[in-house]
Amino acid sequence: MKKIEAIVRPGKLNAIMNALQSLGYPGLTITEVEGHGRQKGITAQWRGRTYSMELVPKVKLEIIARDEEVDMIVDTILNTAKTGEIGDGKIFIYPIDDVVRIRTGERGEVAI
């Protein structure tokens, strides 16, 4: 099992969720986060004034998946979230040792 953690633009969230649901994979956790990478924040103008935001709003998706589903899920997120611009985000993949469903006590892949 693996944990897929994707940090993406908030405007891409609905498209990613719809794409994952169409694959039959509806389970995910979403967190609103802030941060910056290479772009070091953004500068914007409003009413003639320049504003600088060091931390850019992003959305973090967390998905636990079977090993054989990881590439399909990652490819779906990648193809849906990509704009080609700086700030598209990152995808991280971590190994998961075990999962326990609290309601039933089931463990392992059946608990996903």
Foldseek 3Di string as FASTA:
>chain_A
DKKKKWKFAPVLVVVLQVLCVVVVHNDKDKDKDWAFDPVQFDWDDDPRDIDTDRIDIIMMIIDDDDPVCVVVSVVSLCVRQDPPDPGGTDMDMGDDDKDAQVVPRDMDPVND
